Amino acid sequence: MNELNFLPNAQRKEVQRKEAVLVDIMVDLLTQINPGRMADVKVPTPKPKPSTPAPTCCKPPTRAST
């Protein structure tokens, strides 16, 4: 809620607790309805490429001292 900043701390924390409970309830319901859809997805991450030196034509220019 955008208006939470205007509530006193105690009320703000209570609203945030209730929001968390509602989210948990929704996750549980959606998991019961379609467990496959709510399952954690394991996405493979790409392996890092070996570093290669930059070609000499593309190195940044150096400043000449004056």
PDB file of N, CA and C in Angstrom:
ATOM      1  N   MET A   1       0.845  -1.183   0.000  1.00  0.00           N
ATOM      2  CA  MET A   1       0.000   0.000   0.000  1.00  0.00           C
ATOM      3  C   MET A   1       0.889   1.244   0.000  1.00  0.00           C
ATOM      4  N   ASN A   2       0.479   2.206  -0.760  1.00  0.00           N
ATOM      5  CA  ASN A   2       1.256   3.442  -0.840  1.00  0.00           C
ATOM      6  C   ASN A   2       1.099   4.295   0.408  1.00  0.00           C
ATOM      7  N   GLU A   3       0.018   4.111   1.124  1.00  0.00           N
ATOM      8  CA  GLU A   3      -0.268   4.966   2.276  1.00  0.00           C
ATOM      9  C   GLU A   3       0.330   4.451   3.577  1.00  0.00           C
ATOM     10  N   LEU A   4       1.081   3.376   3.536  1.00  0.00           N
ATOM     11  CA  LEU A   4       1.649   2.823   4.774  1.00  0.00           C
ATOM     12  C   LEU A   4       2.546   3.809   5.490  1.00  0.00           C
ATOM     13  N   ASN A   5       3.209   4.670   4.747  1.00  0.00           N
ATOM     14  CA  ASN A   5       4.131   5.630   5.369  1.00  0.00           C
ATOM     15  C   ASN A   5       3.419   6.615   6.278  1.00  0.00           C
ATOM     16  N   PHE A   6       2.107   6.759   6.080  1.00  0.00           N
ATOM     17  CA  PHE A   6       1.359   7.722   6.888  1.00  0.00           C
ATOM     18  C   PHE A   6       0.812   7.106   8.173  1.00  0.00           C
ATOM     19  N   LEU A   7       0.944   5.788   8.331  1.00  0.00           N
ATOM     20  CA  LEU A   7       0.450   5.123   9.525  1.00  0.00           C
ATOM     21  C   LEU A   7       1.513   5.129  10.622  1.00  0.00           C
ATOM     22  N   PRO A   8       1.080   5.086  11.866  1.00  0.00           N
ATOM     23  CA  PRO A   8       2.035   4.905  12.954  1.00  0.00           C
ATOM     24  C   PRO A   8       2.722   3.543  12.810  1.00  0.00           C
ATOM     25  N   ASN A   9       3.917   3.420  13.385  1.00  0.00           N
ATOM     26  CA  ASN A   9       4.714   2.202  13.235  1.00  0.00           C
ATOM     27  C   ASN A   9       3.946   0.939  13.594  1.00  0.00           C
ATOM     28  N   ALA A  10       3.226   0.961  14.709  1.00  0.00           N
ATOM     29  CA  ALA A  10       2.512  -0.241  15.160  1.00  0.00           C
ATOM     30  C   ALA A  10       1.465  -0.662  14.121  1.00  0.00           C
ATOM     31  N   GLN A  11       0.713   0.291  13.612  1.00  0.00           N
ATOM     32  CA  GLN A  11      -0.311  -0.032  12.610  1.00  0.00           C
ATOM     33  C   GLN A  11       0.330  -0.488  11.300  1.00  0.00           C
ATOM     34  N   ARG A  12       1.426   0.146  10.907  1.00  0.00           N
ATOM     35  CA  ARG A  12       2.116  -0.227   9.674  1.00  0.00           C
ATOM     36  C   ARG A  12       2.608  -1.672   9.754  1.00  0.00           C
ATOM     37  N   LYS A  13       3.202  -2.037  10.893  1.00  0.00           N
ATOM     38  CA  LYS A  13       3.695  -3.404  11.064  1.00  0.00           C
ATOM     39  C   LYS A  13       2.545  -4.410  11.042  1.00  0.00           C
ATOM     40  N   GLU A  14       1.413  -4.056  11.622  1.00  0.00           N
ATOM     41  CA  GLU A  14       0.250  -4.949  11.615  1.00  0.00           C
ATOM     42  C   GLU A  14      -0.261  -5.156  10.188  1.00  0.00           C
ATOM     43  N   VAL A  15      -0.332  -4.103   9.406  1.00  0.00           N
ATOM     44  CA  VAL A  15      -0.772  -4.226   8.012  1.00  0.00           C
ATOM     45  C   VAL A  15       0.220  -5.090   7.234  1.00  0.00           C
ATOM     46  N   GLN A  16       1.506  -4.891   7.463  1.00  0.00           N
ATOM     47  CA  GLN A  16       2.512  -5.690   6.756  1.00  0.00           C
ATOM     48  C   GLN A  16       2.424  -7.163   7.147  1.00  0.00           C
ATOM     49  N   ARG A  17       2.141  -7.464   8.415  1.00  0.00           N
ATOM     50  CA  ARG A  17       1.962  -8.857   8.841  1.00  0.00           C
ATOM     51  C   ARG A  17       0.757  -9.476   8.141  1.00  0.00           C
ATOM     52  N   LYS A  18      -0.329  -8.728   8.070  1.00  0.00           N
ATOM     53  CA  LYS A  18      -1.542  -9.234   7.411  1.00  0.00           C
ATOM     54  C   LYS A  18      -1.301  -9.438   5.913  1.00  0.00           C
ATOM     55  N   GLU A  19      -0.564  -8.540   5.297  1.00  0.00           N
ATOM     56  CA  GLU A  19      -0.228  -8.711   3.880  1.00  0.00           C
ATOM     57  C   GLU A  19       0.581  -9.993   3.671  1.00  0.00           C
ATOM     58  N   ALA A  20       1.541 -10.248   4.556  1.00  0.00           N
ATOM     59  CA  ALA A  20       2.368 -11.451   4.443  1.00  0.00           C
ATOM     60  C   ALA A  20       1.523 -12.703   4.599  1.00  0.00           C
ATOM     61  N   VAL A  21       0.566 -12.679   5.513  1.00  0.00           N
ATOM     62  CA  VAL A  21      -0.334 -13.827   5.705  1.00  0.00           C
ATOM     63  C   VAL A  21      -1.153 -14.043   4.433  1.00  0.00           C
ATOM     64  N   LEU A  22      -1.674 -12.978   3.850  1.00  0.00           N
ATOM     65  CA  LEU A  22      -2.459 -13.101   2.626  1.00  0.00           C
ATOM     66  C   LEU A  22      -1.624 -13.682   1.479  1.00  0.00           C
ATOM     67  N   VAL A  23      -0.391 -13.241   1.365  1.00  0.00           N
ATOM     68  CA  VAL A  23       0.480 -13.774   0.314  1.00  0.00           C
ATOM     69  C   VAL A  23       0.720 -15.256   0.542  1.00  0.00           C
ATOM     70  N   ASP A  24       0.973 -15.647   1.784  1.00  0.00           N
ATOM     71  CA  ASP A  24       1.175 -17.073   2.092  1.00  0.00           C
ATOM     72  C   ASP A  24      -0.058 -17.894   1.741  1.00  0.00           C
ATOM     73  N   ILE A  25      -1.239 -17.374   2.064  1.00  0.00           N
ATOM     74  CA  ILE A  25      -2.482 -18.078   1.735  1.00  0.00           C
ATOM     75  C   ILE A  25      -2.614 -18.240   0.222  1.00  0.00           C
ATOM     76  N   MET A  26      -2.324 -17.181  -0.524  1.00  0.00           N
ATOM     77  CA  MET A  26      -2.429 -17.250  -1.986  1.00  0.00           C
ATOM     78  C   MET A  26      -1.450 -18.262  -2.574  1.00  0.00           C
ATOM     79  N   VAL A  27      -0.234 -18.267  -2.063  1.00  0.00           N
ATOM     80  CA  VAL A  27       0.770 -19.225  -2.555  1.00  0.00           C
ATOM     81  C   VAL A  27       0.307 -20.647  -2.267  1.00  0.00           C
ATOM     82  N   ASP A  28      -0.219 -20.896  -1.074  1.00  0.00           N
ATOM     83  CA  ASP A  28      -0.709 -22.229  -0.729  1.00  0.00           C
ATOM     84  C   ASP A  28      -1.860 -22.642  -1.642  1.00  0.00           C
ATOM     85  N   LEU A  29      -2.799 -21.735  -1.876  1.00  0.00           N
ATOM     86  CA  LEU A  29      -3.934 -22.054  -2.750  1.00  0.00           C
ATOM     87  C   LEU A  29      -3.480 -22.338  -4.176  1.00  0.00           C
ATOM     88  N   LEU A  30      -2.617 -21.492  -4.701  1.00  0.00           N
ATOM     89  CA  LEU A  30      -2.130 -21.695  -6.064  1.00  0.00           C
ATOM     90  C   LEU A  30      -1.322 -22.975  -6.190  1.00  0.00           C
ATOM     91  N   THR A  31      -0.600 -23.331  -5.139  1.00  0.00           N
ATOM     92  CA  THR A  31       0.165 -24.578  -5.150  1.00  0.00           C
ATOM     93  C   THR A  31      -0.772 -25.775  -5.165  1.00  0.00           C
ATOM     94  N   GLN A  32      -1.885 -25.695  -4.424  1.00  0.00           N
ATOM     95  CA  GLN A  32      -2.864 -26.780  -4.427  1.00  0.00           C
ATOM     96  C   GLN A  32      -3.563 -26.893  -5.777  1.00  0.00           C
ATOM     97  N   ILE A  33      -3.843 -25.761  -6.415  1.00  0.00           N
ATOM     98  CA  ILE A  33      -4.541 -25.771  -7.697  1.00  0.00           C
ATOM     99  C   ILE A  33      -3.650 -26.312  -8.803  1.00  0.00           C
ATOM    100  N   ASN A  34      -2.402 -25.837  -8.854  1.00  0.00           N
ATOM    101  CA  ASN A  34      -1.504 -26.241  -9.928  1.00  0.00           C
ATOM    102  C   ASN A  34      -0.080 -26.358  -9.382  1.00  0.00           C
ATOM    103  N   PRO A  35       0.236 -27.503  -8.759  1.00  0.00           N
ATOM    104  CA  PRO A  35       1.550 -27.645  -8.127  1.00  0.00           C
ATOM    105  C   PRO A  35       2.705 -27.531  -9.112  1.00  0.00           C
ATOM    106  N   GLY A  36       2.518 -28.003 -10.343  1.00  0.00           N
ATOM    107  CA  GLY A  36       3.600 -27.919 -11.321  1.00  0.00           C
ATOM    108  C   GLY A  36       3.945 -26.490 -11.661  1.00  0.00           C
ATOM    109  N   ARG A  37       2.944 -25.661 -11.752  1.00  0.00           N
ATOM    110  CA  ARG A  37       3.173 -24.254 -12.100  1.00  0.00           C
ATOM    111  C   ARG A  37       3.864 -23.504 -10.968  1.00  0.00           C
ATOM    112  N   MET A  38       3.582 -23.903  -9.742  1.00  0.00           N
ATOM    113  CA  MET A  38       4.136 -23.195  -8.592  1.00  0.00           C
ATOM    114  C   MET A  38       5.457 -23.791  -8.120  1.00  0.00           C
ATOM    115  N   ALA A  39       5.932 -24.842  -8.770  1.00  0.00           N
ATOM    116  CA  ALA A  39       7.197 -25.459  -8.370  1.00  0.00           C
ATOM    117  C   ALA A  39       8.349 -24.510  -8.678  1.00  0.00           C
ATOM    118  N   ASP A  40       9.398 -24.641  -7.887  1.00  0.00           N
ATOM    119  CA  ASP A  40      10.595 -23.839  -8.141  1.00  0.00           C
ATOM    120  C   ASP A  40      11.184 -24.228  -9.488  1.00  0.00           C
ATOM    121  N   VAL A  41      11.546 -23.242 -10.251  1.00  0.00           N
ATOM    122  CA  VAL A  41      12.128 -23.483 -11.565  1.00  0.00           C
ATOM    123  C   VAL A  41      13.644 -23.440 -11.424  1.00  0.00           C
ATOM    124  N   LYS A  42      14.281 -24.472 -11.910  1.00  0.00           N
ATOM    125  CA  LYS A  42      15.747 -24.517 -11.901  1.00  0.00           C
ATOM    126  C   LYS A  42      16.235 -24.104 -13.281  1.00  0.00           C
ATOM    127  N   VAL A  43      16.888 -22.985 -13.344  1.00  0.00           N
ATOM    128  CA  VAL A  43      17.395 -22.469 -14.613  1.00  0.00           C
ATOM    129  C   VAL A  43      18.912 -22.591 -14.598  1.00  0.00           C
ATOM    130  N   PRO A  44      19.470 -23.308 -15.568  1.00  0.00           N
ATOM    131  CA  PRO A  44      20.926 -23.415 -15.595  1.00  0.00           C
ATOM    132  C   PRO A  44      21.551 -22.068 -15.942  1.00  0.00           C
ATOM    133  N   THR A  45      22.617 -21.767 -15.275  1.00  0.00           N
ATOM    134  CA  THR A  45      23.315 -20.521 -15.575  1.00  0.00           C
ATOM    135  C   THR A  45      24.456 -20.815 -16.549  1.00  0.00           C
ATOM    136  N   PRO A  46      24.716 -19.890 -17.454  1.00  0.00           N
ATOM    137  CA  PRO A  46      25.797 -20.129 -18.409  1.00  0.00           C
ATOM    138  C   PRO A  46      27.153 -20.117 -17.713  1.00  0.00           C
ATOM    139  N   LYS A  47      28.045 -20.918 -18.239  1.00  0.00           N
ATOM    140  CA  LYS A  47      29.398 -20.936 -17.691  1.00  0.00           C
ATOM    141  C   LYS A  47      30.132 -19.694 -18.159  1.00  0.00           C
ATOM    142  N   PRO A  48      30.952 -19.104 -17.299  1.00  0.00           N
ATOM    143  CA  PRO A  48      31.690 -17.898 -17.726  1.00  0.00           C
ATOM    144  C   PRO A  48      32.678 -18.245 -18.834  1.00  0.00           C
ATOM    145  N   LYS A  49      32.775 -17.330 -19.765  1.00  0.00           N
ATOM    146  CA  LYS A  49      33.728 -17.516 -20.862  1.00  0.00           C
ATOM    147  C   LYS A  49      35.127 -17.181 -20.371  1.00  0.00           C
ATOM    148  N   PRO A  50      36.124 -17.874 -20.874  1.00  0.00           N
ATOM    149  CA  PRO A  50      37.490 -17.517 -20.470  1.00  0.00           C
ATOM    150  C   PRO A  50      37.813 -16.111 -20.979  1.00  0.00           C
ATOM    151  N   SER A  51      38.505 -15.375 -20.165  1.00  0.00           N
ATOM    152  CA  SER A  51      38.824 -14.008 -20.572  1.00  0.00           C
ATOM    153  C   SER A  51      39.912 -14.028 -21.641  1.00  0.00           C
ATOM    154  N   THR A  52      39.710 -13.179 -22.603  1.00  0.00           N
ATOM    155  CA  THR A  52      40.692 -13.052 -23.681  1.00  0.00           C
ATOM    156  C   THR A  52      41.167 -11.611 -23.704  1.00  0.00           C
ATOM    157  N   PRO A  53      42.428 -11.395 -24.018  1.00  0.00           N
ATOM    158  CA  PRO A  53      42.910 -10.013 -24.061  1.00  0.00           C
ATOM    159  C   PRO A  53      42.250  -9.248 -25.214  1.00  0.00           C
ATOM    160  N   ALA A  54      42.037  -7.981 -24.997  1.00  0.00           N
ATOM    161  CA  ALA A  54      41.444  -7.140 -26.034  1.00  0.00           C
ATOM    162  C   ALA A  54      42.431  -6.964 -27.170  1.00  0.00           C
ATOM    163  N   PRO A  55      41.933  -6.927 -28.398  1.00  0.00           N
ATOM    164  CA  PRO A  55      42.842  -6.697 -29.530  1.00  0.00           C
ATOM    165  C   PRO A  55      43.505  -5.329 -29.397  1.00  0.00           C
ATOM    166  N   THR A  56      44.698  -5.215 -29.921  1.00  0.00           N
ATOM    167  CA  THR A  56      45.440  -3.956 -29.792  1.00  0.00           C
ATOM    168  C   THR A  56      44.749  -2.812 -30.513  1.00  0.00           C
ATOM    169  N   CYS A  57      43.960  -3.123 -31.522  1.00  0.00           N
ATOM    170  CA  CYS A  57      43.279  -2.049 -32.258  1.00  0.00           C
ATOM    171  C   CYS A  57      42.168  -1.420 -31.431  1.00  0.00           C
ATOM    172  N   CYS A  58      41.709  -2.093 -30.374  1.00  0.00           N
ATOM    173  CA  CYS A  58      40.549  -1.615 -29.633  1.00  0.00           C
ATOM    174  C   CYS A  58      40.869  -1.121 -28.231  1.00  0.00           C
ATOM    175  N   LYS A  59      42.147  -1.064 -27.882  1.00  0.00           N
ATOM    176  CA  LYS A  59      42.489  -0.600 -26.545  1.00  0.00           C
ATOM    177  C   LYS A  59      42.219   0.899 -26.463  1.00  0.00           C
ATOM    178  N   PRO A  60      41.817   1.376 -25.290  1.00  0.00           N
ATOM    179  CA  PRO A  60      41.565   2.808 -25.163  1.00  0.00           C
ATOM    180  C   PRO A  60      42.844   3.608 -25.327  1.00  0.00           C
ATOM    181  N   PRO A  61      42.722   4.776 -25.914  1.00  0.00           N
ATOM    182  CA  PRO A  61      43.919   5.605 -26.125  1.00  0.00           C
ATOM    183  C   PRO A  61      44.479   6.090 -24.798  1.00  0.00           C
ATOM    184  N   THR A  62      45.774   6.285 -24.748  1.00  0.00           N
ATOM    185  CA  THR A  62      46.422   6.810 -23.548  1.00  0.00           C
ATOM    186  C   THR A  62      46.579   8.314 -23.718  1.00  0.00           C
ATOM    187  N   ARG A  63      46.500   9.010 -22.596  1.00  0.00           N
ATOM    188  CA  ARG A  63      46.662  10.475 -22.656  1.00  0.00           C
ATOM    189  C   ARG A  63      48.126  10.827 -22.688  1.00  0.00           C
ATOM    190  N   ALA A  64      48.489  11.695 -23.581  1.00  0.00           N
ATOM    191  CA  ALA A  64      49.887  12.172 -23.645  1.00  0.00           C
ATOM    192  C   ALA A  64      50.073  13.215 -22.563  1.00  0.00           C
ATOM    193  N   SER A  65      51.192  13.145 -21.881  1.00  0.00           N
ATOM    194  CA  SER A  65      51.444  14.141 -20.815  1.00  0.00           C
ATOM    195  C   SER A  65      51.892  15.442 -21.461  1.00  0.00           C
ATOM    196  N   THR A  66      51.431  16.525 -20.878  1.00  0.00           N
ATOM    197  CA  THR A  66      51.778  17.864 -21.408  1.00  0.00           C
ATOM    198  C   THR A  66      52.683  18.614 -20.493  1.00  0.00           C
TER     199      THR A  66
END
